[in-house]
């Protein structure tokens, strides 16, 4: 073989080898412990009294980074109730600076367990019981994400298989026969031997089986499900709470940990029955972001509108605590108006990440269950994970049905007071939100 022919053969081999790996989807996953070391103020229930008294289940922050060539997407799931938008933005900015992943390619989800520590409010301020936890949580989350993203040797190619099954542990929290979706979705990213590298679970139900009388730190039922399934499948497992704004576990809430464990095992049993189908290999990694501007009941809010709204509320038969909340809200909103900080709409960040044949829809807030159903019904050719409580918590998002019945007065008439929004949402909001969600999904499939 002459030298020219030898060089040609070598070039061909190198080219083929390069083409075989270039453009392939790869992933890496990491997990870290975020369990508080002290007694803490737990989030989620205003009626809960006292600090935490023990650990039922340890809390984790889990990170999945998807890579295609130089493009990367970072997806994090925390065993936490919520973090404010400002904190989510700060965490995303820190991760972006240390990894080079674009800010808008970073998604921080919280499973919304109501048995995790608060990271805002008086307990998280200097001198509070949760200050040490807040610091540890921020540092651990960022460190775990950065290590996962920057570990080049940890990324491995994968294929995708998905499936779904119904699980009836969730019910509409306000109406016996109200809108409900029972689907649990499972996704497995498989290595070349067909074993799970990392798996994803998506189910729409508030993790509140442990009620306000419980004072233990816990993942609630999602963590039990993760334990059960991960023990059998291997690899890491990320749980994502779906559209659960109007959905709780069926039956009364309980202070007994056995109740949460039973619910978690029931969900795990449903997942065990899933029949998986492999998705066709598609070397796609795309990200679409959008801000949805949800309308308030009036298009332009004035000081006079705020005063009239307060006067109306104070005519209700309300407690002294609620009255104080309303007056404090009025004071804060008027101060923001004076500083030009009030927006005349509620901004909600939504996004779509498509990798391979899978689509992940991310949204801030707590959308009602109907949005999840509608989004999946109009995209039946591909699995859609509906992932709420992502990149900061800001509001319940009632569906169209909720504005037509009287069962959802808290979400429609009171929520804006607690989230410091300047006015209640309009009944036109559901149409705006659903249209935006469907549009961004369509963009992802174009």
Protein backbone atom coordinates (compact mmCIF):
# COMPACT_ATOMS: atom_id res chain seq x y z
CA UNK A 1 0.00 0.00 0.00
CA UNK A 2 1.58 3.33 -1.03
CA UNK A 3 1.73 6.29 1.34
CA UNK A 4 -1.10 8.23 -0.33
CA UNK A 5 -3.48 5.28 -0.12
CA UNK A 6 -2.51 4.74 3.54
CA UNK A 7 -3.17 8.39 4.35
CA UNK A 8 -6.55 8.18 2.61
CA UNK A 9 -7.54 5.10 4.62
CA UNK A 10 -6.49 6.79 7.88
CA UNK A 11 -8.47 9.91 6.97
CA UNK A 12 -11.55 7.82 6.18
CA UNK A 13 -11.35 5.94 9.48
CA UNK A 14 -10.95 9.16 11.48
CA UNK A 15 -13.82 10.81 9.60
CA UNK A 16 -16.19 7.87 10.16
CA UNK A 17 -15.29 7.66 13.85
CA UNK A 18 -15.82 11.38 14.22
CA UNK A 19 -19.21 11.26 12.53
CA UNK A 20 -20.33 8.36 14.68
CA UNK A 21 -19.90 10.36 17.91
CA UNK A 22 -20.55 13.92 16.72
CA UNK A 23 -24.05 15.18 17.39
CA UNK A 24 -25.01 12.35 19.74
CA UNK A 25 -27.00 13.13 22.84
CA UNK A 26 -25.13 12.49 26.08
CA UNK A 27 -26.05 12.93 29.73
CA UNK A 28 -24.59 13.14 33.19
CA UNK A 29 -26.38 13.17 36.53
CA UNK A 30 -25.43 14.11 40.07
CA UNK A 31 -27.10 14.11 43.48
CA UNK A 32 -26.36 15.79 46.81
CA UNK A 33 -27.94 15.87 50.27
CA UNK A 34 -29.78 19.03 51.39
CA UNK A 35 -31.29 17.72 54.65
CA UNK A 36 -31.27 20.40 57.37
CA UNK A 37 -28.92 19.86 60.30
CA UNK A 38 -31.06 21.89 62.71
CA UNK A 39 -34.69 22.17 63.69
CA UNK A 40 -36.26 24.42 61.07
CA UNK A 41 -39.42 26.25 60.17
CA UNK A 42 -41.23 24.07 57.61
CA UNK A 43 -42.99 25.47 54.55
CA UNK A 44 -46.45 24.96 53.17
CA UNK A 45 -48.99 25.14 55.99
CA UNK A 46 -49.92 28.38 57.72
CA UNK A 47 -51.64 26.34 60.46
CA UNK A 48 -48.48 24.40 61.36
CA UNK A 49 -47.09 25.30 64.78
CA UNK A 50 -43.50 24.83 65.97
CA UNK A 51 -40.22 23.81 64.37
CA UNK A 52 -39.36 20.45 62.86
CA UNK A 53 -38.77 17.63 65.34
CA UNK A 54 -37.16 14.93 63.19
CA UNK A 55 -36.25 13.55 59.78
CA UNK A 56 -38.68 11.22 58.04
CA UNK A 57 -36.83 11.19 54.72
CA UNK A 58 -33.63 12.97 53.76
CA UNK A 59 -33.88 15.70 51.13
CA UNK A 60 -31.87 15.73 47.90
CA UNK A 61 -30.99 18.03 45.04
CA UNK A 62 -30.62 16.14 41.78
CA UNK A 63 -29.15 17.44 38.56
CA UNK A 64 -29.38 16.14 34.99
CA UNK A 65 -27.31 17.73 32.24
CA UNK A 66 -28.09 16.87 28.61
CA UNK A 67 -25.37 17.57 26.06
CA UNK A 68 -25.17 17.65 22.27
CA UNK A 69 -21.82 18.76 20.90
CA UNK A 70 -21.17 22.02 22.77
CA UNK A 71 -24.83 22.72 23.67
CA UNK A 72 -25.96 21.81 27.19
CA UNK A 73 -29.18 21.96 29.22
CA UNK A 74 -29.21 21.72 33.02
CA UNK A 75 -32.33 20.34 34.77
CA UNK A 76 -32.49 20.27 38.57
CA UNK A 77 -35.12 18.74 40.85
CA UNK A 78 -35.11 19.56 44.58
CA UNK A 79 -36.98 17.95 47.46
CA UNK A 80 -38.22 21.42 48.43
CA UNK A 81 -41.55 23.21 48.53
CA UNK A 82 -40.68 26.42 46.73
CA UNK A 83 -38.13 29.13 46.16
CA UNK A 84 -38.87 32.71 45.05
CA UNK A 85 -38.22 33.81 41.49
CA UNK A 86 -35.40 36.07 42.66
CA UNK A 87 -33.57 33.16 44.31
CA UNK A 88 -34.11 30.92 41.28
CA UNK A 89 -32.64 33.62 39.03
CA UNK A 90 -29.63 34.03 41.31
CA UNK A 91 -28.98 30.28 41.41
CA UNK A 92 -29.29 30.00 37.64
CA UNK A 93 -26.89 32.93 37.20
CA UNK A 94 -24.32 31.32 39.51
CA UNK A 95 -24.51 28.00 37.67
CA UNK A 96 -24.29 29.76 34.31
CA UNK A 97 -21.16 31.70 35.31
CA UNK A 98 -19.38 28.59 36.53
CA UNK A 99 -20.37 26.24 33.70
CA UNK A 100 -20.93 28.35 30.62
CA UNK A 101 -24.46 26.94 30.25
CA UNK A 102 -26.80 29.74 29.11
CA UNK A 103 -29.00 31.13 31.88
CA UNK A 104 -32.13 30.28 29.87
CA UNK A 105 -30.98 26.65 29.54
CA UNK A 106 -31.06 26.10 33.32
CA UNK A 107 -34.25 24.85 35.00
CA UNK A 108 -34.69 24.53 38.76
CA UNK A 109 -37.74 22.53 39.80
CA UNK A 110 -39.04 21.90 43.31
CA UNK A 111 -41.19 18.85 43.99
CA UNK A 112 -43.35 21.06 46.25
CA UNK A 113 -43.25 18.85 49.33
CA UNK A 114 -44.84 20.75 52.21
CA UNK A 115 -42.43 19.13 54.66
CA UNK A 116 -39.25 20.93 53.58
CA UNK A 117 -37.65 24.03 55.15
CA UNK A 118 -38.55 27.57 54.23
CA UNK A 119 -35.92 29.67 52.47
CA UNK A 120 -37.80 32.97 52.72
CA UNK A 121 -39.54 34.95 55.44
CA UNK A 122 -38.45 35.85 58.94
CA UNK A 123 -36.98 32.40 59.70
CA UNK A 124 -34.54 32.72 56.78
CA UNK A 125 -33.38 36.21 57.76
CA UNK A 126 -30.37 36.92 60.03
CA UNK A 127 -30.96 35.42 63.45
CA UNK A 128 -33.69 33.09 62.15
CA UNK A 129 -33.87 29.32 62.54
CA UNK A 130 -33.45 28.63 58.80
CA UNK A 131 -30.47 30.86 57.99
CA UNK A 132 -27.96 28.02 58.21
CA UNK A 133 -30.13 25.80 56.04
CA UNK A 134 -30.64 28.46 53.38
CA UNK A 135 -26.89 28.98 53.04
CA UNK A 136 -26.23 25.23 52.84
CA UNK A 137 -29.04 24.70 50.33
CA UNK A 138 -27.74 27.38 47.95
CA UNK A 139 -24.14 26.22 48.13
CA UNK A 140 -24.99 22.53 47.76
CA UNK A 141 -27.36 23.01 44.84
CA UNK A 142 -24.88 25.13 42.90
CA UNK A 143 -21.91 22.90 43.69
CA UNK A 144 -23.77 19.75 42.62
CA UNK A 145 -24.93 21.33 39.36
CA UNK A 146 -21.48 22.72 38.53
CA UNK A 147 -19.73 19.40 39.24
CA UNK A 148 -22.26 17.52 37.12
CA UNK A 149 -22.06 19.95 34.21
CA UNK A 150 -18.26 20.33 34.20
CA UNK A 151 -17.41 16.64 34.54
CA UNK A 152 -16.67 15.98 30.87
CA UNK A 153 -15.68 12.35 31.50
CA UNK A 154 -19.05 11.65 33.15
CA UNK A 155 -21.14 12.19 30.03
CA UNK A 156 -22.31 9.06 28.24
CA UNK A 157 -24.54 8.48 25.18
CA UNK A 158 -28.09 7.33 25.81
CA UNK A 159 -31.27 6.17 24.17
CA UNK A 160 -34.76 6.98 25.47
CA UNK A 161 -37.72 4.84 26.43
CA UNK A 162 -40.99 6.15 27.82
CA UNK A 163 -44.31 4.93 29.12
CA UNK A 164 -47.30 5.96 31.21
CA UNK A 165 -49.86 4.46 33.55
CA UNK A 166 -52.80 5.69 35.58
CA UNK A 167 -52.52 6.00 39.36
CA UNK A 168 -55.62 6.98 41.32
CA UNK A 169 -54.04 8.31 44.51
CA UNK A 170 -54.78 11.90 43.43
CA UNK A 171 -58.12 13.74 43.58
CA UNK A 172 -59.41 17.24 42.87
CA UNK A 173 -58.86 19.10 46.13
CA UNK A 174 -61.97 21.30 45.90
CA UNK A 175 -64.62 19.25 44.04
CA UNK A 176 -65.48 15.60 44.40
CA UNK A 177 -66.05 15.27 40.65
CA UNK A 178 -63.82 18.14 39.57
CA UNK A 179 -61.21 17.99 36.78
CA UNK A 180 -58.45 15.42 37.41
CA UNK A 181 -55.68 13.67 35.49
CA UNK A 182 -54.28 10.41 36.88
CA UNK A 183 -51.43 9.79 34.42
CA UNK A 184 -47.93 9.14 35.70
CA UNK A 185 -45.21 9.39 33.04
CA UNK A 186 -41.87 7.61 33.27
CA UNK A 187 -38.78 8.15 31.13
CA UNK A 188 -35.57 6.13 31.20
CA UNK A 189 -32.30 7.23 29.61
CA UNK A 190 -30.49 3.97 28.83
CA UNK A 191 -26.82 3.20 28.36
CA UNK A 192 -25.49 0.97 25.57
CA UNK A 193 -26.31 -2.13 27.64
CA UNK A 194 -29.94 -1.03 28.05
CA UNK A 195 -29.61 -0.13 31.74
CA UNK A 196 -31.01 3.14 33.14
CA UNK A 197 -28.46 5.92 33.60
CA UNK A 198 -31.09 8.30 34.90
CA UNK A 199 -34.90 8.14 35.01
CA UNK A 200 -37.60 10.81 35.17
CA UNK A 201 -41.03 10.58 36.82
CA UNK A 202 -43.85 13.09 36.28
CA UNK A 203 -47.12 13.08 38.23
CA UNK A 204 -49.67 15.79 39.05
CA UNK A 205 -50.42 15.78 42.78
CA UNK A 206 -49.57 18.03 45.71
CA UNK A 207 -47.04 16.30 48.01
CA UNK A 208 -49.11 17.02 51.12
CA UNK A 209 -50.05 13.59 52.45
CA UNK A 210 -48.25 14.75 55.60
CA UNK A 211 -50.59 17.48 56.86
CA UNK A 212 -50.06 20.53 59.03
CA UNK A 213 -49.87 18.50 62.24
CA UNK A 214 -46.76 16.76 60.97
CA UNK A 215 -43.47 18.35 62.03
CA UNK A 216 -40.97 16.03 60.36
CA UNK A 217 -38.70 16.89 57.46
CA UNK A 218 -39.79 14.73 54.54
CA UNK A 219 -39.94 14.31 50.80
CA UNK A 220 -43.58 13.26 51.31
CA UNK A 221 -44.85 10.52 48.99
CA UNK A 222 -42.64 11.39 45.93
CA UNK A 223 -39.50 10.49 47.86
CA UNK A 224 -40.96 7.11 48.82
CA UNK A 225 -41.73 6.42 45.17
CA UNK A 226 -38.20 7.41 44.17
CA UNK A 227 -36.72 5.05 46.78
CA UNK A 228 -38.85 2.14 45.64
CA UNK A 229 -38.21 2.55 41.92
CA UNK A 230 -34.56 3.52 42.11
CA UNK A 231 -33.80 0.43 44.16
CA UNK A 232 -35.13 -1.70 41.28
CA UNK A 233 -34.02 0.28 38.23
CA UNK A 234 -30.67 1.62 39.40
CA UNK A 235 -29.17 4.87 38.20
CA UNK A 236 -30.35 8.27 39.41
CA UNK A 237 -34.02 9.25 39.44
CA UNK A 238 -35.55 12.73 39.22
CA UNK A 239 -39.16 13.35 40.26
CA UNK A 240 -41.16 16.24 38.79
CA UNK A 241 -44.51 17.45 40.12
CA UNK A 242 -46.89 18.21 37.27
CA UNK A 243 -49.94 20.49 37.08
CA UNK A 244 -51.20 20.00 40.63
CA UNK A 245 -52.64 23.36 41.62
CA UNK A 246 -56.07 21.82 42.29
CA UNK A 247 -54.97 18.26 43.12
CA UNK A 248 -54.19 16.58 46.47
CA UNK A 249 -53.79 12.98 47.60
CA UNK A 250 -57.23 11.41 47.99
CA UNK A 251 -58.59 11.30 51.51
CA UNK A 252 -57.74 13.32 54.61
CA UNK A 253 -54.17 14.47 55.22
CA UNK A 254 -52.33 12.89 58.13
CA UNK A 255 -49.52 13.49 60.58
CA UNK A 256 -48.58 9.82 60.38
CA UNK A 257 -45.58 9.06 58.18
CA UNK A 258 -47.05 5.68 57.33
CA UNK A 259 -49.75 7.49 55.34
CA UNK A 260 -47.17 9.16 53.08
CA UNK A 261 -45.33 5.86 52.72
CA UNK A 262 -48.50 4.09 51.63
CA UNK A 263 -49.20 6.73 48.98
CA UNK A 264 -45.62 6.58 47.70
CA UNK A 265 -45.72 2.81 47.40
CA UNK A 266 -49.06 2.94 45.57
CA UNK A 267 -47.54 5.28 43.01
CA UNK A 268 -44.49 3.03 42.72
CA UNK A 269 -46.73 0.02 42.08
CA UNK A 270 -48.42 1.85 39.20
CA UNK A 271 -45.01 2.71 37.72
CA UNK A 272 -43.93 -0.92 37.93
CA UNK A 273 -46.77 -1.79 35.54
CA UNK A 274 -45.63 0.63 32.84
CA UNK A 275 -44.79 -0.89 29.48
CA UNK A 276 -41.95 1.08 27.96
CA UNK A 277 -41.48 1.92 24.31
CA UNK A 278 -38.20 3.10 22.84
CA UNK A 279 -38.24 6.44 21.08
CA UNK A 280 -36.60 6.70 17.70
CA UNK A 281 -33.08 8.11 18.03
CA UNK A 282 -33.14 11.83 17.21
CA UNK A 283 -30.00 13.89 17.89
CA UNK A 284 -32.05 16.96 18.84
CA UNK A 285 -31.48 19.37 21.70
CA UNK A 286 -33.54 22.56 21.51
CA UNK A 287 -34.72 25.13 24.05
CA UNK A 288 -37.55 27.65 23.73
CA UNK A 289 -38.33 30.27 26.40
CA UNK A 290 -41.20 32.73 26.66
CA UNK A 291 -42.74 35.14 29.15
CA UNK A 292 -46.52 34.91 29.35
CA UNK A 293 -48.25 38.08 30.50
CA UNK A 294 -51.36 37.01 32.38
CA UNK A 295 -54.05 39.70 32.60
CA UNK A 296 -55.43 41.11 35.82
CA UNK A 297 -59.11 42.02 36.15
CA UNK A 298 -58.38 45.57 35.12
CA UNK A 299 -55.82 46.55 32.46
CA UNK A 300 -54.30 49.53 34.31
CA UNK A 301 -54.12 49.56 38.12
CA UNK A 302 -54.31 52.88 40.00
CA UNK A 303 -54.10 53.83 43.67
CA UNK A 304 -57.85 54.33 43.61
CA UNK A 305 -58.32 50.78 42.30
CA UNK A 306 -56.21 49.41 45.14
CA UNK A 307 -58.20 51.35 47.75
CA UNK A 308 -61.53 50.26 46.28
CA UNK A 309 -60.35 46.64 46.27
CA UNK A 310 -59.28 46.86 49.91
CA UNK A 311 -62.59 48.47 50.92
CA UNK A 312 -64.42 45.60 49.20
CA UNK A 313 -62.37 42.92 50.95
CA UNK A 314 -62.77 44.51 54.39
CA UNK A 315 -66.54 44.18 54.05
CA UNK A 316 -66.14 40.39 54.04
CA UNK A 317 -66.51 38.46 57.27
CA UNK A 318 -62.76 38.08 57.78
CA UNK A 319 -60.45 37.37 60.69
CA UNK A 320 -58.05 39.88 62.22
CA UNK A 321 -55.09 38.02 60.72
CA UNK A 322 -56.52 38.21 57.22
CA UNK A 323 -57.35 41.89 57.72
CA UNK A 324 -53.74 42.58 58.70
CA UNK A 325 -52.54 40.64 55.63
CA UNK A 326 -54.72 42.78 53.37
CA UNK A 327 -53.58 46.07 54.92
CA UNK A 328 -49.93 45.03 54.71
CA UNK A 329 -50.49 44.07 51.06
CA UNK A 330 -52.01 47.48 50.36
CA UNK A 331 -49.05 49.26 51.95
CA UNK A 332 -46.51 47.22 49.99
CA UNK A 333 -48.29 47.55 46.63
CA UNK A 334 -48.69 51.32 47.03
CA UNK A 335 -44.98 51.61 47.85
CA UNK A 336 -44.12 49.63 44.72
CA UNK A 337 -46.42 51.79 42.65
CA UNK A 338 -44.67 54.91 43.93
CA UNK A 339 -41.35 53.42 42.82
CA UNK A 340 -42.68 52.39 39.42
CA UNK A 341 -42.23 48.68 40.21
CA UNK A 342 -45.79 47.46 39.60
CA UNK A 343 -46.52 45.59 36.39
CA UNK A 344 -50.08 45.59 35.08
CA UNK A 345 -49.89 41.88 34.32
CA UNK A 346 -48.52 38.78 36.06
CA UNK A 347 -45.35 37.55 34.29
CA UNK A 348 -45.00 33.76 34.07
CA UNK A 349 -41.94 32.14 32.54
CA UNK A 350 -42.55 29.00 30.48
CA UNK A 351 -40.11 26.93 28.43
CA UNK A 352 -39.84 23.81 26.29
CA UNK A 353 -36.80 21.56 26.16
CA UNK A 354 -36.75 18.90 23.48
CA UNK A 355 -34.10 16.22 23.54
CA UNK A 356 -34.47 13.27 21.22
CA UNK A 357 -38.16 12.49 20.85
CA UNK A 358 -39.02 13.72 24.36
CA UNK A 359 -40.44 17.13 25.26
CA UNK A 360 -40.29 18.76 28.70
CA UNK A 361 -42.62 21.70 29.31
CA UNK A 362 -41.49 23.88 32.24
CA UNK A 363 -43.58 26.54 33.94
CA UNK A 364 -43.48 28.76 36.98
CA UNK A 365 -46.36 28.66 39.42
CA UNK A 366 -48.93 25.97 40.19
CA UNK A 367 -51.13 25.42 37.12
CA UNK A 368 -54.39 23.57 37.51
CA UNK A 369 -54.56 19.98 36.28
CA UNK A 370 -56.58 20.79 33.15
CA UNK A 371 -53.62 22.50 31.48
CA UNK A 372 -51.60 19.30 31.67
CA UNK A 373 -54.42 17.30 30.11
CA UNK A 374 -54.96 19.82 27.31
CA UNK A 375 -51.28 20.07 26.42
CA UNK A 376 -50.90 16.32 26.15
CA UNK A 377 -54.12 15.84 24.21
CA UNK A 378 -52.95 18.18 21.45
CA UNK A 379 -49.53 16.45 21.27
CA UNK A 380 -50.37 12.76 21.24
CA UNK A 381 -47.56 11.84 18.85
CA UNK A 382 -44.84 12.48 21.43
CA UNK A 383 -44.59 12.22 25.22
CA UNK A 384 -44.84 15.55 27.04
CA UNK A 385 -43.63 15.95 30.62
CA UNK A 386 -45.52 18.82 32.28
CA UNK A 387 -43.18 20.20 34.95
CA UNK A 388 -44.60 22.92 37.20
CA UNK A 389 -43.00 24.80 40.14
CA UNK A 390 -39.91 25.60 38.07
CA UNK A 391 -37.59 28.63 38.23
CA UNK A 392 -39.43 30.21 41.13
CA UNK A 393 -42.87 30.14 42.66
CA UNK A 394 -45.30 32.97 42.02
CA UNK A 395 -48.96 31.95 41.81
CA UNK A 396 -51.72 29.42 41.42
CA UNK A 397 -52.91 29.36 37.81
CA UNK A 398 -56.61 28.40 37.89
CA UNK A 399 -58.17 26.79 34.84
CA UNK A 400 -61.23 27.99 32.95
CA UNK A 401 -63.48 25.68 34.97
CA UNK A 402 -62.36 27.28 38.25
CA UNK A 403 -63.63 30.68 37.14
CA UNK A 404 -67.08 29.20 36.48
CA UNK A 405 -67.67 27.65 39.93
CA UNK A 406 -67.45 28.84 43.53
CA UNK A 407 -65.13 26.15 44.88
CA UNK A 408 -61.87 28.00 44.19
CA UNK A 409 -62.30 31.31 45.99
CA UNK A 410 -58.87 31.18 47.64
CA UNK A 411 -57.07 30.79 44.33
CA UNK A 412 -59.21 33.46 42.62
CA UNK A 413 -59.84 36.01 45.38
CA UNK A 414 -57.09 35.69 47.97
CA UNK A 415 -53.92 34.31 46.36
CA UNK A 416 -52.79 37.70 45.06
CA UNK A 417 -52.58 39.01 48.62
CA UNK A 418 -50.06 36.35 49.64
CA UNK A 419 -47.92 36.54 46.50
CA UNK A 420 -47.98 40.36 46.57
CA UNK A 421 -49.52 40.68 43.12
CA UNK A 422 -51.25 44.04 42.61
CA UNK A 423 -54.66 42.61 41.66
CA UNK A 424 -56.58 39.33 41.15
CA UNK A 425 -56.20 37.51 37.85
CA UNK A 426 -58.82 37.96 35.15
CA UNK A 427 -61.09 35.15 34.01
CA UNK A 428 -59.41 35.64 30.61
CA UNK A 429 -56.17 34.34 32.10
CA UNK A 430 -56.74 30.62 31.34
CA UNK A 431 -57.13 31.24 27.62
CA UNK A 432 -53.94 33.33 27.51
CA UNK A 433 -51.88 30.80 29.45
CA UNK A 434 -53.12 27.72 27.58
CA UNK A 435 -52.60 29.37 24.19
CA UNK A 436 -49.03 30.30 25.11
CA UNK A 437 -48.28 26.78 26.37
CA UNK A 438 -49.58 25.18 23.18
CA UNK A 439 -47.72 27.66 21.00
CA UNK A 440 -44.33 27.06 22.62
CA UNK A 441 -44.81 23.30 22.30
CA UNK A 442 -45.63 23.72 18.61
CA UNK A 443 -42.41 25.72 18.21
CA UNK A 444 -40.45 22.91 19.80
CA UNK A 445 -41.79 20.44 17.21
CA UNK A 446 -41.12 22.67 14.19
